Amino acid sequence: MDNAKFTKQQIEKLKKVCWEFGIKLTHQRIEIFKELMAENNHPSAETIYRRLRRRLPTVALDTVYRTLATFDELGLVKKLHLMNERTLFDTNLKVHHHFICNRCKKVEDVYWQGFDDCNLPERMDVVGLVESRHLEFHGVCRSCLDVAGKDKT
C-alpha cells in the first residue's frame, strides 16, 4: 500500500470521530481505515481483508466486517448495496451515483448535478419520505468495450 494516498488529515478525522463516539482506536482499525483510503475503488470487506493479511497476518475477516460496519455507522464510509452484487464500501462521501460494469464488475463514480437538483415527482409523499437519492447505471465499461473491440480485429 502506498502510504502517500491517504493523508494525515484523514487519520486525524478518524481519531476525532472515534473519540467523539467513544470508540477505541486500535491498530487494526487504523490499518483497515488506511487500506480503505489507499485506493478509491469501492472494495469489499474480503478485498480489504486479503490486502491486510499481507502485513497483519492475525487480522480476522470478522474484525474487518465489524470495523467497516462501525465506519459506516460513524459516517466515515458509505456501505453500498448494489443491485445483485456483494456489499462494497465507498470512501467518497460527496453526492454521487455509480456505474457498474456487467462484465468486469468495476464500479465507477458518476456525478450528475441535474439529477441531484431535479424536483421529485408530484405526490411522492404517497410513496414515502425520500431521504437520499442514488442511481445505478449498469452496462459495459470503456475498458471492457475496448478489449471486446480488439478481439474483433
N, C-alpha and C. Protein backbone atom coordinates (compact mmCIF):
# COMPACT_ATOMS: atom_id res chain seq x y z
N MET A 1 0.84 -1.18 0.00
CA MET A 1 0.00 0.00 0.00
C MET A 1 0.88 1.24 0.00
N ASP A 2 0.50 2.22 -0.79
CA ASP A 2 1.23 3.47 -0.87
C ASP A 2 0.68 4.42 0.19
N ASN A 3 1.47 4.65 1.21
CA ASN A 3 1.02 5.49 2.33
C ASN A 3 0.73 6.92 1.91
N ALA A 4 1.23 7.36 0.76
CA ALA A 4 1.00 8.73 0.31
C ALA A 4 -0.44 8.94 -0.14
N LYS A 5 -1.20 7.89 -0.36
CA LYS A 5 -2.55 8.02 -0.89
C LYS A 5 -3.58 8.39 0.18
N PHE A 6 -3.24 8.28 1.41
CA PHE A 6 -4.14 8.79 2.44
C PHE A 6 -3.37 9.87 3.20
N THR A 7 -4.09 10.80 3.75
CA THR A 7 -3.45 11.96 4.35
C THR A 7 -3.50 11.91 5.87
N LYS A 8 -2.62 12.68 6.45
CA LYS A 8 -2.62 12.83 7.90
C LYS A 8 -3.97 13.42 8.35
N GLN A 9 -4.56 14.25 7.51
CA GLN A 9 -5.85 14.86 7.80
C GLN A 9 -6.94 13.78 7.93
N GLN A 10 -6.90 12.77 7.07
CA GLN A 10 -7.89 11.70 7.13
C GLN A 10 -7.73 10.89 8.42
N ILE A 11 -6.49 10.63 8.81
CA ILE A 11 -6.24 9.90 10.06
C ILE A 11 -6.70 10.72 11.25
N GLU A 12 -6.47 12.03 11.21
CA GLU A 12 -6.93 12.91 12.29
C GLU A 12 -8.46 12.90 12.38
N LYS A 13 -9.13 12.87 11.22
CA LYS A 13 -10.59 12.81 11.22
C LYS A 13 -11.04 11.49 11.86
N LEU A 14 -10.39 10.39 11.52
CA LEU A 14 -10.72 9.09 12.12
C LEU A 14 -10.57 9.17 13.64
N LYS A 15 -9.45 9.69 14.10
CA LYS A 15 -9.21 9.81 15.54
C LYS A 15 -10.29 10.64 16.21
N LYS A 16 -10.63 11.78 15.59
CA LYS A 16 -11.62 12.69 16.17
C LYS A 16 -13.00 12.02 16.26
N VAL A 17 -13.42 11.38 15.17
CA VAL A 17 -14.73 10.74 15.15
C VAL A 17 -14.79 9.61 16.17
N CYS A 18 -13.76 8.79 16.23
CA CYS A 18 -13.74 7.69 17.21
C CYS A 18 -13.78 8.23 18.63
N TRP A 19 -13.03 9.28 18.90
CA TRP A 19 -13.02 9.88 20.23
C TRP A 19 -14.41 10.42 20.57
N GLU A 20 -15.07 11.12 19.62
CA GLU A 20 -16.39 11.70 19.86
C GLU A 20 -17.44 10.62 20.18
N PHE A 21 -17.31 9.46 19.57
CA PHE A 21 -18.29 8.39 19.77
C PHE A 21 -17.84 7.36 20.80
N GLY A 22 -16.69 7.59 21.42
CA GLY A 22 -16.20 6.68 22.45
C GLY A 22 -15.76 5.34 21.90
N ILE A 23 -15.26 5.33 20.68
CA ILE A 23 -14.78 4.11 20.04
C ILE A 23 -13.27 4.02 20.23
N LYS A 24 -12.80 2.90 20.74
CA LYS A 24 -11.37 2.71 20.92
C LYS A 24 -10.70 2.63 19.55
N LEU A 25 -9.62 3.38 19.39
CA LEU A 25 -8.89 3.40 18.12
C LEU A 25 -7.74 2.42 18.19
N THR A 26 -7.99 1.21 17.71
CA THR A 26 -7.00 0.14 17.75
C THR A 26 -6.09 0.21 16.52
N HIS A 27 -4.98 -0.50 16.61
CA HIS A 27 -4.06 -0.58 15.47
C HIS A 27 -4.77 -1.20 14.26
N GLN A 28 -5.57 -2.24 14.49
CA GLN A 28 -6.27 -2.88 13.37
C GLN A 28 -7.27 -1.94 12.72
N ARG A 29 -8.00 -1.15 13.51
CA ARG A 29 -8.94 -0.19 12.94
C ARG A 29 -8.21 0.84 12.09
N ILE A 30 -7.08 1.32 12.58
CA ILE A 30 -6.30 2.29 11.80
C ILE A 30 -5.83 1.67 10.49
N GLU A 31 -5.36 0.44 10.53
CA GLU A 31 -4.87 -0.22 9.32
C GLU A 31 -6.00 -0.49 8.33
N ILE A 32 -7.17 -0.85 8.83
CA ILE A 32 -8.33 -1.06 7.96
C ILE A 32 -8.71 0.27 7.30
N PHE A 33 -8.71 1.33 8.07
CA PHE A 33 -9.02 2.65 7.54
C PHE A 33 -8.00 3.06 6.47
N LYS A 34 -6.73 2.84 6.76
CA LYS A 34 -5.69 3.18 5.77
C LYS A 34 -5.89 2.39 4.48
N GLU A 35 -6.24 1.14 4.62
CA GLU A 35 -6.45 0.30 3.43
C GLU A 35 -7.64 0.80 2.62
N LEU A 36 -8.68 1.22 3.31
CA LEU A 36 -9.84 1.80 2.63
C LEU A 36 -9.46 3.05 1.86
N MET A 37 -8.67 3.91 2.49
CA MET A 37 -8.34 5.20 1.90
C MET A 37 -7.24 5.11 0.84
N ALA A 38 -6.54 3.99 0.79
CA ALA A 38 -5.40 3.86 -0.12
C ALA A 38 -5.82 3.92 -1.59
N GLU A 39 -6.98 3.39 -1.89
CA GLU A 39 -7.46 3.38 -3.27
C GLU A 39 -8.94 3.68 -3.28
N ASN A 40 -9.36 4.41 -4.28
CA ASN A 40 -10.79 4.73 -4.38
C ASN A 40 -11.44 3.78 -5.37
N ASN A 41 -11.55 2.51 -4.97
CA ASN A 41 -12.05 1.51 -5.91
C ASN A 41 -13.21 0.68 -5.36
N HIS A 42 -13.92 1.18 -4.38
CA HIS A 42 -15.10 0.51 -3.84
C HIS A 42 -14.81 -0.94 -3.44
N PRO A 43 -13.91 -1.16 -2.49
CA PRO A 43 -13.54 -2.53 -2.13
C PRO A 43 -14.62 -3.22 -1.30
N SER A 44 -14.59 -4.54 -1.34
CA SER A 44 -15.44 -5.34 -0.46
C SER A 44 -14.64 -5.61 0.82
N ALA A 45 -15.31 -6.12 1.83
CA ALA A 45 -14.62 -6.49 3.07
C ALA A 45 -13.58 -7.57 2.79
N GLU A 46 -13.92 -8.49 1.91
CA GLU A 46 -13.00 -9.58 1.57
C GLU A 46 -11.73 -9.05 0.90
N THR A 47 -11.89 -8.06 0.03
CA THR A 47 -10.73 -7.46 -0.65
C THR A 47 -9.81 -6.77 0.37
N ILE A 48 -10.40 -6.03 1.27
CA ILE A 48 -9.61 -5.35 2.30
C ILE A 48 -8.90 -6.39 3.17
N TYR A 49 -9.61 -7.43 3.53
CA TYR A 49 -9.04 -8.50 4.34
C TYR A 49 -7.82 -9.13 3.64
N ARG A 50 -7.96 -9.45 2.36
CA ARG A 50 -6.84 -10.05 1.62
C ARG A 50 -5.64 -9.12 1.59
N ARG A 51 -5.86 -7.85 1.39
CA ARG A 51 -4.76 -6.87 1.36
C ARG A 51 -4.09 -6.75 2.73
N LEU A 52 -4.91 -6.72 3.76
CA LEU A 52 -4.38 -6.56 5.13
C LEU A 52 -3.58 -7.77 5.59
N ARG A 53 -4.00 -8.95 5.19
CA ARG A 53 -3.35 -10.19 5.65
C ARG A 53 -1.86 -10.21 5.33
N ARG A 54 -1.45 -9.49 4.30
CA ARG A 54 -0.03 -9.44 3.93
C ARG A 54 0.82 -8.84 5.04
N ARG A 55 0.28 -7.81 5.69
CA ARG A 55 1.07 -7.16 6.74
C ARG A 55 0.53 -7.35 8.15
N LEU A 56 -0.71 -7.85 8.25
CA LEU A 56 -1.32 -8.16 9.55
C LEU A 56 -1.88 -9.58 9.49
N PRO A 57 -1.02 -10.59 9.56
CA PRO A 57 -1.49 -11.97 9.37
C PRO A 57 -2.49 -12.44 10.43
N THR A 58 -2.58 -11.76 11.56
CA THR A 58 -3.50 -12.20 12.61
C THR A 58 -4.88 -11.55 12.51
N VAL A 59 -5.08 -10.64 11.57
CA VAL A 59 -6.38 -9.97 11.45
C VAL A 59 -7.42 -10.99 11.00
N ALA A 60 -8.61 -10.90 11.58
CA ALA A 60 -9.70 -11.82 11.24
C ALA A 60 -10.68 -11.14 10.29
N LEU A 61 -11.26 -11.91 9.41
CA LEU A 61 -12.25 -11.37 8.47
C LEU A 61 -13.42 -10.75 9.24
N ASP A 62 -13.82 -11.37 10.33
CA ASP A 62 -14.90 -10.82 11.15
C ASP A 62 -14.55 -9.43 11.68
N THR A 63 -13.30 -9.22 12.05
CA THR A 63 -12.84 -7.90 12.52
C THR A 63 -12.99 -6.86 11.42
N VAL A 64 -12.64 -7.25 10.21
CA VAL A 64 -12.77 -6.33 9.07
C VAL A 64 -14.24 -5.98 8.86
N TYR A 65 -15.11 -6.98 8.84
CA TYR A 65 -16.55 -6.74 8.68
C TYR A 65 -17.10 -5.81 9.76
N ARG A 66 -16.78 -6.11 11.01
CA ARG A 66 -17.30 -5.29 12.12
C ARG A 66 -16.75 -3.87 12.07
N THR A 67 -15.49 -3.73 11.72
CA THR A 67 -14.87 -2.40 11.65
C THR A 67 -15.50 -1.58 10.52
N LEU A 68 -15.71 -2.20 9.38
CA LEU A 68 -16.33 -1.48 8.25
C LEU A 68 -17.76 -1.08 8.59
N ALA A 69 -18.49 -1.94 9.29
CA ALA A 69 -19.85 -1.59 9.72
C ALA A 69 -19.81 -0.41 10.68
N THR A 70 -18.83 -0.40 11.57
CA THR A 70 -18.68 0.72 12.50
C THR A 70 -18.35 2.00 11.75
N PHE A 71 -17.43 1.93 10.79
CA PHE A 71 -17.07 3.11 9.99
C PHE A 71 -18.29 3.65 9.24
N ASP A 72 -19.15 2.75 8.75
CA ASP A 72 -20.37 3.17 8.07
C ASP A 72 -21.30 3.90 9.04
N GLU A 73 -21.49 3.33 10.22
CA GLU A 73 -22.34 3.95 11.24
C GLU A 73 -21.81 5.32 11.65
N LEU A 74 -20.50 5.48 11.68
CA LEU A 74 -19.88 6.74 12.08
C LEU A 74 -19.83 7.76 10.95
N GLY A 75 -20.22 7.35 9.74
CA GLY A 75 -20.22 8.27 8.60
C GLY A 75 -18.87 8.46 7.95
N LEU A 76 -17.94 7.55 8.21
CA LEU A 76 -16.60 7.65 7.62
C LEU A 76 -16.55 7.04 6.23
N VAL A 77 -17.43 6.09 5.95
CA VAL A 77 -17.57 5.46 4.64
C VAL A 77 -19.05 5.22 4.39
N LYS A 78 -19.38 4.90 3.14
CA LYS A 78 -20.75 4.51 2.81
C LYS A 78 -20.75 3.05 2.41
N LYS A 79 -21.68 2.32 2.97
CA LYS A 79 -21.87 0.93 2.57
C LYS A 79 -22.76 0.94 1.34
N LEU A 80 -22.28 0.32 0.27
CA LEU A 80 -23.05 0.25 -0.96
C LEU A 80 -23.70 -1.12 -1.08
N HIS A 81 -24.99 -1.11 -1.27
CA HIS A 81 -25.73 -2.35 -1.50
C HIS A 81 -26.17 -2.31 -2.96
N LEU A 82 -25.25 -2.60 -3.85
CA LEU A 82 -25.56 -2.52 -5.27
C LEU A 82 -26.41 -3.71 -5.68
N MET A 83 -27.32 -3.46 -6.58
CA MET A 83 -28.24 -4.49 -7.03
C MET A 83 -27.48 -5.72 -7.55
N ASN A 84 -27.81 -6.86 -7.02
CA ASN A 84 -27.23 -8.14 -7.44
C ASN A 84 -25.72 -8.25 -7.22
N GLU A 85 -25.18 -7.49 -6.33
CA GLU A 85 -23.74 -7.52 -6.07
C GLU A 85 -23.49 -7.68 -4.57
N ARG A 86 -22.26 -8.00 -4.22
CA ARG A 86 -21.88 -8.07 -2.82
C ARG A 86 -21.77 -6.65 -2.27
N THR A 87 -21.69 -6.54 -0.97
CA THR A 87 -21.59 -5.23 -0.33
C THR A 87 -20.20 -4.66 -0.55
N LEU A 88 -20.16 -3.42 -1.00
CA LEU A 88 -18.90 -2.71 -1.21
C LEU A 88 -18.89 -1.47 -0.33
N PHE A 89 -17.71 -0.88 -0.19
CA PHE A 89 -17.57 0.30 0.66
C PHE A 89 -16.99 1.45 -0.15
N ASP A 90 -17.55 2.63 0.08
CA ASP A 90 -17.20 3.82 -0.69
C ASP A 90 -16.65 4.88 0.25
N THR A 91 -15.45 5.35 -0.05
CA THR A 91 -14.84 6.39 0.77
C THR A 91 -15.20 7.78 0.28
N ASN A 92 -15.82 7.87 -0.88
CA ASN A 92 -16.23 9.15 -1.45
C ASN A 92 -17.57 9.54 -0.83
N LEU A 93 -17.57 10.52 0.04
CA LEU A 93 -18.78 10.90 0.75
C LEU A 93 -19.54 12.03 0.06
N LYS A 94 -19.03 12.49 -1.10
CA LYS A 94 -19.75 13.51 -1.88
C LYS A 94 -20.96 12.86 -2.54
N VAL A 95 -21.97 13.66 -2.86
CA VAL A 95 -23.16 13.15 -3.53
C VAL A 95 -22.74 12.67 -4.93
N HIS A 96 -23.01 11.39 -5.19
CA HIS A 96 -22.69 10.83 -6.50
C HIS A 96 -23.45 9.53 -6.70
N HIS A 97 -23.31 8.97 -7.89
CA HIS A 97 -24.02 7.76 -8.27
C HIS A 97 -22.99 6.76 -8.78
N HIS A 98 -23.44 5.61 -9.27
CA HIS A 98 -22.48 4.56 -9.65
C HIS A 98 -22.83 3.91 -10.99
N PHE A 99 -21.77 3.65 -11.75
CA PHE A 99 -21.85 2.85 -12.97
C PHE A 99 -21.19 1.52 -12.65
N ILE A 100 -21.91 0.43 -12.90
CA ILE A 100 -21.39 -0.91 -12.61
C ILE A 100 -21.25 -1.66 -13.93
N CYS A 101 -20.05 -2.15 -14.20
CA CYS A 101 -19.80 -2.90 -15.43
C CYS A 101 -20.35 -4.32 -15.26
N ASN A 102 -21.18 -4.74 -16.19
CA ASN A 102 -21.76 -6.08 -16.15
C ASN A 102 -20.74 -7.17 -16.42
N ARG A 103 -19.61 -6.81 -17.03
CA ARG A 103 -18.60 -7.82 -17.36
C ARG A 103 -17.55 -7.96 -16.26
N CYS A 104 -16.84 -6.87 -15.97
CA CYS A 104 -15.72 -6.96 -15.02
C CYS A 104 -16.12 -6.59 -13.59
N LYS A 105 -17.33 -6.07 -13.41
CA LYS A 105 -17.89 -5.70 -12.10
C LYS A 105 -17.25 -4.45 -11.49
N LYS A 106 -16.45 -3.73 -12.28
CA LYS A 106 -15.85 -2.48 -11.79
C LYS A 106 -16.96 -1.47 -11.50
N VAL A 107 -16.76 -0.68 -10.45
CA VAL A 107 -17.72 0.35 -10.06
C VAL A 107 -17.05 1.70 -10.22
N GLU A 108 -17.69 2.59 -10.95
CA GLU A 108 -17.16 3.94 -11.18
C GLU A 108 -18.12 4.97 -10.62
N ASP A 109 -17.59 6.04 -10.06
CA ASP A 109 -18.41 7.14 -9.57
C ASP A 109 -18.90 7.97 -10.74
N VAL A 110 -20.17 8.41 -10.65
CA VAL A 110 -20.78 9.26 -11.67
C VAL A 110 -21.40 10.46 -10.96
N TYR A 111 -21.09 11.65 -11.44
CA TYR A 111 -21.66 12.87 -10.88
C TYR A 111 -22.69 13.41 -11.86
N TRP A 112 -23.89 13.71 -11.35
CA TRP A 112 -24.96 14.22 -12.20
C TRP A 112 -25.76 15.25 -11.41
N GLN A 113 -25.30 16.48 -11.47
CA GLN A 113 -25.92 17.56 -10.70
C GLN A 113 -27.37 17.77 -11.10
N GLY A 114 -27.68 17.61 -12.39
CA GLY A 114 -29.06 17.79 -12.86
C GLY A 114 -30.03 16.84 -12.18
N PHE A 115 -29.61 15.61 -11.99
CA PHE A 115 -30.45 14.63 -11.30
C PHE A 115 -30.57 14.99 -9.82
N ASP A 116 -29.45 15.36 -9.24
CA ASP A 116 -29.44 15.67 -7.81
C ASP A 116 -30.34 16.85 -7.48
N ASP A 117 -30.45 17.80 -8.42
CA ASP A 117 -31.22 19.02 -8.19
C ASP A 117 -32.65 18.96 -8.70
N CYS A 118 -33.01 17.93 -9.46
CA CYS A 118 -34.34 17.91 -10.07
C CYS A 118 -35.43 17.70 -9.01
N ASN A 119 -36.60 18.20 -9.34
CA ASN A 119 -37.74 18.04 -8.46
C ASN A 119 -38.23 16.59 -8.49
N LEU A 120 -38.62 16.11 -7.36
CA LEU A 120 -39.18 14.76 -7.29
C LEU A 120 -40.58 14.76 -7.89
N PRO A 121 -41.05 13.61 -8.33
CA PRO A 121 -42.41 13.54 -8.88
C PRO A 121 -43.43 14.03 -7.85
N GLU A 122 -44.50 14.63 -8.39
CA GLU A 122 -45.58 15.09 -7.51
C GLU A 122 -46.16 13.89 -6.76
N ARG A 123 -46.67 14.15 -5.60
CA ARG A 123 -47.31 13.15 -4.76
C ARG A 123 -46.33 12.08 -4.27
N MET A 124 -45.07 12.42 -4.18
CA MET A 124 -44.08 11.48 -3.65
C MET A 124 -44.41 11.12 -2.20
N ASP A 125 -45.12 12.02 -1.54
CA ASP A 125 -45.49 11.77 -0.14
C ASP A 125 -46.39 10.55 0.00
N VAL A 126 -47.09 10.15 -1.05
CA VAL A 126 -47.92 8.95 -1.02
C VAL A 126 -47.03 7.71 -0.90
N VAL A 127 -45.89 7.76 -1.56
CA VAL A 127 -44.94 6.64 -1.53
C VAL A 127 -44.19 6.64 -0.21
N GLY A 128 -43.75 7.81 0.22
CA GLY A 128 -43.00 7.91 1.47
C GLY A 128 -42.10 9.14 1.46
N LEU A 129 -41.23 9.21 2.44
CA LEU A 129 -40.31 10.34 2.59
C LEU A 129 -38.96 9.96 2.00
N VAL A 130 -38.53 10.68 0.98
CA VAL A 130 -37.24 10.43 0.36
C VAL A 130 -36.16 11.09 1.21
N GLU A 131 -35.20 10.29 1.66
CA GLU A 131 -34.11 10.81 2.48
C GLU A 131 -32.81 10.94 1.70
N SER A 132 -32.67 10.18 0.62
CA SER A 132 -31.50 10.30 -0.23
C SER A 132 -31.83 9.73 -1.61
N ARG A 133 -30.98 10.07 -2.56
CA ARG A 133 -31.16 9.57 -3.93
C ARG A 133 -29.87 8.90 -4.36
N HIS A 134 -30.01 7.79 -5.06
CA HIS A 134 -28.83 7.11 -5.60
C HIS A 134 -29.24 6.37 -6.87
N LEU A 135 -28.54 6.67 -7.95
CA LEU A 135 -28.78 5.98 -9.21
C LEU A 135 -27.69 4.96 -9.46
N GLU A 136 -28.07 3.86 -10.07
CA GLU A 136 -27.10 2.87 -10.54
C GLU A 136 -27.27 2.75 -12.04
N PHE A 137 -26.17 2.85 -12.74
CA PHE A 137 -26.15 2.61 -14.18
C PHE A 137 -25.45 1.26 -14.37
N HIS A 138 -26.04 0.39 -15.15
CA HIS A 138 -25.45 -0.91 -15.43
C HIS A 138 -25.18 -0.99 -16.92
N GLY A 139 -23.99 -1.45 -17.27
CA GLY A 139 -23.63 -1.56 -18.67
C GLY A 139 -22.25 -2.18 -18.80
N VAL A 140 -21.55 -1.80 -19.86
CA VAL A 140 -20.21 -2.31 -20.11
C VAL A 140 -19.26 -1.13 -20.08
N CYS A 141 -18.23 -1.22 -19.25
CA CYS A 141 -17.28 -0.12 -19.08
C CYS A 141 -16.41 0.05 -20.33
N ARG A 142 -15.79 1.20 -20.43
CA ARG A 142 -14.94 1.53 -21.57
C ARG A 142 -13.82 0.50 -21.73
N SER A 143 -13.19 0.07 -20.65
CA SER A 143 -12.10 -0.91 -20.74
C SER A 143 -12.58 -2.21 -21.36
N CYS A 144 -13.72 -2.71 -20.93
CA CYS A 144 -14.26 -3.95 -21.48
C CYS A 144 -14.67 -3.77 -22.94
N LEU A 145 -15.22 -2.60 -23.27
CA LEU A 145 -15.58 -2.33 -24.67
C LEU A 145 -14.34 -2.31 -25.54
N ASP A 146 -13.26 -1.68 -25.04
CA ASP A 146 -12.02 -1.62 -25.80
C ASP A 146 -11.44 -3.02 -26.03
N VAL A 147 -11.47 -3.86 -25.00
CA VAL A 147 -10.97 -5.23 -25.13
C VAL A 147 -11.83 -6.00 -26.13
N ALA A 148 -13.14 -5.83 -26.07
CA ALA A 148 -14.05 -6.52 -27.00
C ALA A 148 -13.78 -6.06 -28.43
N GLY A 149 -13.49 -4.77 -28.60
CA GLY A 149 -13.19 -4.23 -29.93
C GLY A 149 -11.89 -4.80 -30.48
N LYS A 150 -10.90 -4.99 -29.62
CA LYS A 150 -9.61 -5.55 -30.05
C LYS A 150 -9.76 -7.01 -30.43
N ASP A 151 -10.66 -7.72 -29.74
CA ASP A 151 -10.86 -9.14 -30.03
C ASP A 151 -11.46 -9.36 -31.42
N LYS A 152 -12.17 -8.35 -31.93
CA LYS A 152 -12.82 -8.49 -33.24
C LYS A 152 -11.87 -8.20 -34.39
N THR A 153 -10.73 -7.57 -34.09
CA THR A 153 -9.79 -7.22 -35.18
C THR A 153 -8.79 -8.30 -35.43
